[in-house]
Amino acid sequence: MNGHPSIDAIEPTASLPGGEIRITGKSLRAPELRQPHVRFGEVEGGVVISASDFLVARVPEGATSGPLVVSVDGAASNPYDVNVAVPMAENLHPVANPALDLEGNLYVTFSGSRGQKVPVAIYKIDTNYNVQPFVMEMMNATGIAFDREGMMYVSSRFDGTVYRVAPNGSISSYAQGLGVATGIAFDGEENLYVGDRSGTIFKISRDRQIFVYTTLEPSVSAYHLAFGPGGNLFVTGPTTSSYDAVHCVNPQGEVSTFYRGLGRPQGLAFDNADNLYVAASLSGRRGIVKITPQGEASLAIAGQSLVGMAFAPGRSVVLATSSSVYHLTWDVDGRPLIPLP
């Protein structure tokens, strides 16, 4: 292109503000080694690394979905579309996946440090992004899940209890004695599974009988659970290793390694094509990692401090960092929000 910069590909093409994306192409830096400019619409992003055939750019605050252009010595590249997540709410403290009810309202925790009493444990964010206090009297709200009737269940890593939360926000104890209770998920028969940070995955039947389903290596922070194809339970639990695994637990409670090679894997979810998405680092790059049924991993969304996600109606996804939640329009068909038989 006569020395003009050109973009061949961007990976990934979706990001949170602050995420880092890799741009490949030609003539992306001047021969004199002057830094190029990367613009997300009208907002300039940061250049982290640059070379003639690739550069890494940081998505700036205020960027919106649309064309990205690289400029070198006043010459502009071809535009290339990038999807940027939109902030929904901040000053929160989720430590696992957020959750949506049948009407599309979002629920997210302000978990606090262990033993910390916070004024509001769970916030409700409606479809217009209005944020309202929902649950007050709960210590260290951690994992959230809904059953098919739309009833909410919340784990507390403070007292090892799973609470049932009515639509008006009132709470009652559902199951106790679950250790440092973290991630929770329902199977298709509406048994509830709860991760204990010491290494146990509990199974709670609909009549509230509690069983030890399986045991894993203890986690340094939390377990995160999601049901995938074949009724298998997929589990992450970050350790001190930078080469952590996604575990697959079959209906008999037998554990195998589905994928190994992630840094601090946390919240996870499936799409309807059986691809798994995990908040984690892959080869040092943080965001949402996509893992195909064949075990092929790639960075699907760039973003820092991600702890979880939840698919939303209309081919979109809610992304939770350690302090905020974002909405991203995304051409991925997520699994139903409520477990099916």
Protein backbone atom coordinates (compact mmCIF):
# COMPACT_ATOMS: atom_id res chain seq x y z
CA MET A 1 0.00 0.00 0.00
CA ASN A 2 2.85 2.37 -0.97
CA GLY A 3 4.18 2.52 2.59
CA HIS A 4 0.82 3.43 4.09
CA PRO A 5 -0.11 1.46 7.20
CA SER A 6 -2.60 -1.37 6.71
CA ILE A 7 -4.38 -3.63 9.19
CA ASP A 8 -4.72 -7.32 8.35
CA ALA A 9 -6.21 -8.58 11.64
CA ILE A 10 -6.95 -7.67 15.24
CA GLU A 11 -6.96 -10.19 18.08
CA PRO A 12 -9.18 -10.19 19.99
CA THR A 13 -11.78 -7.93 18.36
CA ALA A 14 -13.62 -7.40 21.69
CA SER A 15 -12.29 -5.67 24.78
CA LEU A 16 -13.01 -3.84 27.98
CA PRO A 17 -11.51 -0.37 28.45
CA GLY A 18 -7.96 -1.02 29.62
CA GLY A 19 -7.69 -4.27 27.69
CA GLU A 20 -4.78 -4.87 25.32
CA ILE A 21 -5.34 -6.00 21.73
CA ARG A 22 -2.83 -7.16 19.13
CA ILE A 23 -2.92 -5.57 15.67
CA THR A 24 -1.10 -7.20 12.76
CA GLY A 25 -0.50 -5.68 9.34
CA LYS A 26 2.07 -3.76 7.33
CA SER A 27 3.95 -0.47 7.79
CA LEU A 28 2.52 -0.03 11.28
CA ARG A 29 5.53 1.98 12.46
CA ALA A 30 7.66 4.64 10.75
CA PRO A 31 11.21 3.63 9.73
CA GLU A 32 12.51 6.29 12.12
CA LEU A 33 10.94 4.27 14.98
CA ARG A 34 8.42 6.99 15.81
CA GLN A 35 5.40 5.57 17.60
CA PRO A 36 2.20 5.20 15.59
CA HIS A 37 -1.15 6.54 16.75
CA VAL A 38 -4.10 4.22 17.35
CA ARG A 39 -7.56 5.75 17.42
CA PHE A 40 -10.73 4.06 18.62
CA GLY A 41 -13.25 6.28 16.87
CA GLU A 42 -12.43 9.74 18.19
CA VAL A 43 -10.44 8.54 21.22
CA GLU A 44 -6.72 7.81 21.10
CA GLY A 45 -5.48 4.60 22.70
CA GLY A 46 -2.10 3.78 24.15
CA VAL A 47 0.60 1.95 22.23
CA VAL A 48 2.24 -0.69 24.42
CA ILE A 49 4.53 -2.33 21.84
CA SER A 50 5.08 -1.44 18.19
CA ALA A 51 6.86 -2.96 15.21
CA SER A 52 6.46 -2.70 11.47
CA ASP A 53 4.18 -5.74 11.23
CA PHE A 54 2.38 -5.70 14.59
CA LEU A 55 1.57 -3.55 17.57
CA VAL A 56 -0.19 -3.94 20.90
CA ALA A 57 -2.65 -1.19 21.80
CA ARG A 58 -4.47 -0.48 25.05
CA VAL A 59 -8.17 0.36 24.72
CA PRO A 60 -8.74 3.78 26.33
CA GLU A 61 -11.49 4.81 28.72
CA GLY A 62 -14.32 6.38 26.77
CA ALA A 63 -13.77 4.24 23.69
CA THR A 64 -16.88 2.87 21.99
CA SER A 65 -17.49 0.06 19.53
CA GLY A 66 -16.61 0.96 15.96
CA PRO A 67 -13.65 1.43 13.65
CA LEU A 68 -10.04 1.39 14.83
CA VAL A 69 -7.46 3.22 12.70
CA VAL A 70 -3.64 3.23 12.90
CA SER A 71 -1.88 6.41 11.76
CA VAL A 72 1.83 6.63 10.89
CA ASP A 73 3.32 10.02 9.98
CA GLY A 74 -0.11 11.33 9.12
CA ALA A 75 -1.07 8.38 6.88
CA ALA A 76 -4.11 6.42 8.07
CA SER A 77 -4.73 2.71 7.74
CA ASN A 78 -7.90 0.99 6.67
CA PRO A 79 -10.53 0.93 9.48
CA TYR A 80 -11.10 -2.30 11.40
CA ASP A 81 -14.10 -2.78 13.70
CA VAL A 82 -13.59 -3.47 17.41
CA ASN A 83 -16.30 -4.12 20.04
CA VAL A 84 -15.78 -2.25 23.32
CA ALA A 85 -17.72 -3.07 26.48
CA VAL A 86 -19.92 -0.38 28.04
CA PRO A 87 -19.77 0.31 31.80
CA MET A 88 -22.94 -0.61 33.71
CA ALA A 89 -21.97 0.01 37.34
CA GLU A 90 -18.84 0.56 39.41
CA ASN A 91 -17.74 0.65 43.06
CA LEU A 92 -18.76 -2.99 43.48
CA HIS A 93 -16.85 -6.07 44.63
CA PRO A 94 -17.79 -9.19 42.68
CA VAL A 95 -15.61 -12.24 43.29
CA ALA A 96 -17.40 -14.62 40.90
CA ASN A 97 -19.88 -14.60 38.02
CA PRO A 98 -22.73 -12.11 38.15
CA ALA A 99 -26.18 -13.61 37.50
CA LEU A 100 -29.31 -12.63 35.58
CA ASP A 101 -32.90 -13.50 36.42
CA LEU A 102 -35.62 -14.50 33.96
CA GLU A 103 -36.47 -10.84 33.29
CA GLY A 104 -32.88 -9.86 32.44
CA ASN A 105 -32.12 -8.04 35.70
CA LEU A 106 -28.50 -8.39 36.80
CA TYR A 107 -27.34 -9.24 40.32
CA VAL A 108 -23.81 -8.60 41.50
CA THR A 109 -22.13 -8.76 44.90
CA PHE A 110 -20.23 -6.34 47.05
CA SER A 111 -18.43 -9.21 48.74
CA GLY A 112 -15.88 -7.37 50.88
CA SER A 113 -12.87 -8.92 52.56
CA ARG A 114 -13.54 -12.01 54.64
CA GLY A 115 -15.39 -11.10 57.80
CA GLN A 116 -16.14 -7.55 56.60
CA LYS A 117 -19.72 -6.35 57.15
CA VAL A 118 -20.74 -4.21 54.19
CA PRO A 119 -23.91 -2.06 53.98
CA VAL A 120 -25.18 -3.85 50.85
CA ALA A 121 -24.23 -7.44 50.00
CA ILE A 122 -25.98 -7.76 46.61
CA TYR A 123 -27.07 -5.08 44.15
CA LYS A 124 -29.76 -5.38 41.49
CA ILE A 125 -29.14 -3.66 38.15
CA ASP A 126 -32.19 -3.46 35.90
CA THR A 127 -32.22 -3.41 32.11
CA ASN A 128 -31.93 0.41 32.15
CA TYR A 129 -28.74 0.15 34.25
CA ASN A 130 -30.47 1.47 37.39
CA VAL A 131 -28.57 0.18 40.44
CA GLN A 132 -30.55 -0.67 43.59
CA PRO A 133 -29.61 -2.34 46.89
CA PHE A 134 -31.16 -5.83 46.99
CA VAL A 135 -29.71 -7.83 49.91
CA MET A 136 -28.38 -6.16 53.04
CA GLU A 137 -27.87 -8.71 55.82
CA MET A 138 -25.34 -11.18 54.45
CA MET A 139 -21.63 -11.53 55.12
CA ASN A 140 -19.28 -12.08 52.18
CA ALA A 141 -21.83 -12.92 49.49
CA THR A 142 -19.86 -14.92 46.93
CA GLY A 143 -21.55 -17.09 44.28
CA ILE A 144 -25.05 -16.49 42.85
CA ALA A 145 -27.31 -18.93 40.98
CA PHE A 146 -30.99 -19.15 40.05
CA ASP A 147 -33.23 -22.21 39.90
CA ARG A 148 -35.92 -22.74 37.25
CA GLU A 149 -38.56 -21.08 39.43
CA GLY A 150 -36.46 -17.92 39.50
CA MET A 151 -35.41 -18.25 43.14
CA MET A 152 -31.93 -16.93 43.93
CA TYR A 153 -29.30 -18.88 45.88
CA VAL A 154 -26.16 -17.23 47.28
CA SER A 155 -23.10 -18.73 48.94
CA SER A 156 -21.27 -17.04 51.81
CA ARG A 157 -17.59 -17.78 52.19
CA PHE A 158 -17.81 -16.29 55.70
CA ASP A 159 -20.10 -18.84 57.35
CA GLY A 160 -20.21 -21.71 54.83
CA THR A 161 -23.93 -21.24 54.24
CA VAL A 162 -25.99 -21.13 51.06
CA TYR A 163 -28.89 -18.71 51.42
CA ARG A 164 -32.13 -18.66 49.47
CA VAL A 165 -33.23 -15.16 48.51
CA ALA A 166 -36.86 -14.31 47.77
CA PRO A 167 -37.79 -11.78 45.03
CA ASN A 168 -38.24 -9.10 47.74
CA GLY A 169 -34.68 -9.60 48.96
CA SER A 170 -35.47 -11.46 52.19
CA ILE A 171 -33.10 -14.33 52.95
CA SER A 172 -33.32 -17.73 54.63
CA SER A 173 -30.74 -20.44 55.19
CA TYR A 174 -30.85 -23.24 52.61
CA ALA A 175 -27.77 -25.35 53.51
CA GLN A 176 -25.03 -24.99 56.14
CA GLY A 177 -21.65 -26.47 57.00
CA LEU A 178 -20.12 -26.06 53.54
CA GLY A 179 -16.67 -24.83 54.57
CA VAL A 180 -15.47 -21.73 52.75
CA ALA A 181 -18.36 -21.81 50.29
CA THR A 182 -17.62 -20.13 46.96
CA GLY A 183 -18.90 -21.03 43.47
CA ILE A 184 -22.37 -22.55 43.03
CA ALA A 185 -24.28 -24.05 40.09
CA PHE A 186 -27.42 -26.09 39.40
CA ASP A 187 -27.50 -29.20 37.24
CA GLY A 188 -30.38 -30.13 34.94
CA GLU A 189 -32.17 -31.96 37.77
CA GLU A 190 -31.82 -28.90 40.03
CA ASN A 191 -29.32 -30.37 42.41
CA LEU A 192 -27.11 -27.55 43.70
CA TYR A 193 -23.31 -27.86 43.71
CA VAL A 194 -21.10 -25.76 45.97
CA GLY A 195 -17.33 -25.38 45.96
CA ASP A 196 -15.47 -25.30 49.28
CA ARG A 197 -12.11 -23.58 49.02
CA SER A 198 -10.40 -26.40 50.93
CA GLY A 199 -11.02 -28.74 47.97
CA THR A 200 -14.48 -30.28 48.35
CA ILE A 201 -17.34 -29.94 45.87
CA PHE A 202 -20.65 -30.55 47.66
CA LYS A 203 -23.85 -31.76 46.03
CA ILE A 204 -27.14 -30.67 47.63
CA SER A 205 -30.25 -32.52 46.50
CA ARG A 206 -33.65 -30.83 46.19
CA ASP A 207 -34.60 -32.30 49.58
CA ARG A 208 -31.47 -30.61 51.00
CA GLN A 209 -29.42 -33.73 51.61
CA ILE A 210 -25.71 -32.86 51.36
CA PHE A 211 -23.17 -35.19 49.74
CA VAL A 212 -19.46 -34.91 48.97
CA TYR A 213 -19.46 -34.97 45.17
CA THR A 214 -15.71 -34.88 44.58
CA THR A 215 -12.48 -33.38 45.91
CA LEU A 216 -9.87 -31.23 44.17
CA GLU A 217 -6.69 -29.39 45.00
CA PRO A 218 -7.39 -26.51 47.43
CA SER A 219 -7.81 -23.08 45.84
CA VAL A 220 -6.14 -19.88 47.02
CA SER A 221 -9.27 -17.81 46.44
CA ALA A 222 -12.44 -19.53 45.20
CA TYR A 223 -13.95 -22.27 43.13
CA HIS A 224 -16.04 -21.39 40.09
CA LEU A 225 -18.53 -23.87 38.66
CA ALA A 226 -20.50 -24.26 35.42
CA PHE A 227 -22.34 -27.18 33.86
CA GLY A 228 -21.42 -28.05 30.29
CA PRO A 229 -22.09 -30.75 27.72
CA GLY A 230 -23.01 -34.24 28.86
CA GLY A 231 -24.03 -33.08 32.32
CA ASN A 232 -20.38 -32.59 33.21
CA LEU A 233 -19.40 -30.04 35.84
CA PHE A 234 -16.51 -27.76 34.89
CA VAL A 235 -14.49 -26.24 37.72
CA THR A 236 -11.75 -23.65 38.06
CA GLY A 237 -9.88 -22.85 41.24
CA PRO A 238 -6.87 -20.56 40.98
CA THR A 239 -3.79 -21.68 42.87
CA THR A 240 -0.33 -20.15 43.25
CA SER A 241 0.60 -21.73 39.90
CA SER A 242 0.56 -19.76 36.63
CA TYR A 243 -0.37 -22.96 34.78
CA ASP A 244 -3.75 -23.80 36.30
CA ALA A 245 -6.34 -26.19 34.94
CA VAL A 246 -10.01 -26.33 34.09
CA HIS A 247 -11.30 -29.54 35.65
CA CYS A 248 -14.13 -31.66 34.25
CA VAL A 249 -16.17 -33.72 36.71
CA ASN A 250 -18.46 -36.33 35.17
CA PRO A 251 -21.86 -37.26 36.68
CA GLN A 252 -20.16 -40.03 38.68
CA GLY A 253 -17.86 -37.50 40.37
CA GLU A 254 -14.72 -38.57 38.49
CA VAL A 255 -12.28 -35.73 37.81
CA SER A 256 -10.25 -35.19 34.65
CA THR A 257 -8.31 -32.22 33.27
CA PHE A 258 -10.15 -30.50 30.42
CA TYR A 259 -7.50 -27.84 29.80
CA ARG A 260 -4.28 -26.79 31.51
CA GLY A 261 -2.32 -23.61 30.92
CA LEU A 262 -4.28 -20.68 32.40
CA GLY A 263 -3.23 -18.04 34.89
CA ARG A 264 -5.69 -17.53 37.78
CA PRO A 265 -8.79 -18.95 36.05
CA GLN A 266 -12.01 -17.77 37.67
CA GLY A 267 -15.64 -17.41 36.48
CA LEU A 268 -16.74 -19.52 33.52
CA ALA A 269 -19.71 -20.04 31.18
CA PHE A 270 -20.68 -22.03 28.07
CA ASP A 271 -22.21 -21.06 24.77
CA ASN A 272 -24.67 -23.20 22.83
CA ALA A 273 -21.87 -24.58 20.64
CA ASP A 274 -20.23 -26.08 23.78
CA ASN A 275 -17.36 -23.59 23.78
CA LEU A 276 -16.17 -22.72 27.29
CA TYR A 277 -15.30 -19.14 28.29
CA VAL A 278 -13.10 -18.47 31.33
CA ALA A 279 -11.92 -15.27 33.01
CA ALA A 280 -8.18 -15.98 33.05
CA SER A 281 -4.76 -15.21 31.60
CA LEU A 282 -3.54 -17.05 28.52
CA SER A 283 0.16 -16.73 27.69
CA GLY A 284 0.33 -13.65 29.89
CA ARG A 285 -2.67 -11.92 28.31
CA ARG A 286 -5.66 -11.29 30.59
CA GLY A 287 -9.31 -11.41 29.59
CA ILE A 288 -11.95 -13.97 28.64
CA VAL A 289 -10.37 -17.12 27.19
CA LYS A 290 -12.37 -19.25 24.76
CA ILE A 291 -11.71 -23.00 24.87
CA THR A 292 -13.29 -25.13 22.15
CA PRO A 293 -14.61 -28.67 22.81
CA GLN A 294 -11.35 -29.88 21.20
CA GLY A 295 -9.30 -28.00 23.81
CA GLU A 296 -8.07 -25.14 21.58
CA ALA A 297 -7.67 -21.91 23.55
CA SER A 298 -7.65 -18.28 22.36
CA LEU A 299 -8.25 -14.87 23.90
CA ALA A 300 -11.83 -13.86 23.04
CA ILE A 301 -12.13 -10.62 25.04
CA ALA A 302 -9.27 -8.48 26.35
CA GLY A 303 -9.59 -6.99 29.82
CA GLN A 304 -7.86 -6.58 33.14
CA SER A 305 -9.04 -7.78 36.58
CA LEU A 306 -11.87 -9.91 35.19
CA VAL A 307 -13.44 -12.32 37.68
CA GLY A 308 -16.53 -13.59 35.87
CA MET A 309 -19.18 -13.29 33.19
CA ALA A 310 -22.81 -14.09 32.41
CA PHE A 311 -24.44 -14.43 29.01
CA ALA A 312 -27.34 -12.03 28.55
CA PRO A 313 -30.28 -11.96 26.11
CA GLY A 314 -29.76 -10.72 22.56
CA ARG A 315 -26.29 -12.15 21.96
CA SER A 316 -24.57 -10.10 24.61
CA VAL A 317 -22.57 -10.73 27.76
CA VAL A 318 -22.08 -9.09 31.15
CA LEU A 319 -18.46 -8.96 32.29
CA ALA A 320 -17.44 -8.50 35.93
CA THR A 321 -14.11 -7.11 37.08
CA SER A 322 -13.08 -6.92 40.72
CA SER A 323 -14.85 -3.53 41.01
CA SER A 324 -17.24 -3.01 38.06
CA VAL A 325 -19.60 -4.65 35.60
CA TYR A 326 -19.75 -4.04 31.84
CA HIS A 327 -22.12 -4.94 29.01
CA LEU A 328 -20.79 -6.11 25.65
CA THR A 329 -22.78 -6.73 22.49
CA TRP A 330 -21.21 -9.91 21.20
CA ASP A 331 -22.16 -12.34 18.45
CA VAL A 332 -22.11 -15.41 20.71
CA ASP A 333 -25.19 -17.46 21.58
CA GLY A 334 -24.89 -18.20 25.30
CA ARG A 335 -26.45 -21.12 27.14
CA PRO A 336 -29.84 -20.56 28.82
CA LEU A 337 -29.62 -18.68 32.09
CA ILE A 338 -31.72 -21.21 34.00
CA PRO A 339 -30.78 -24.92 33.99
CA LEU A 340 -32.87 -27.14 31.70
CA PRO A 341 -33.88 -30.72 32.51
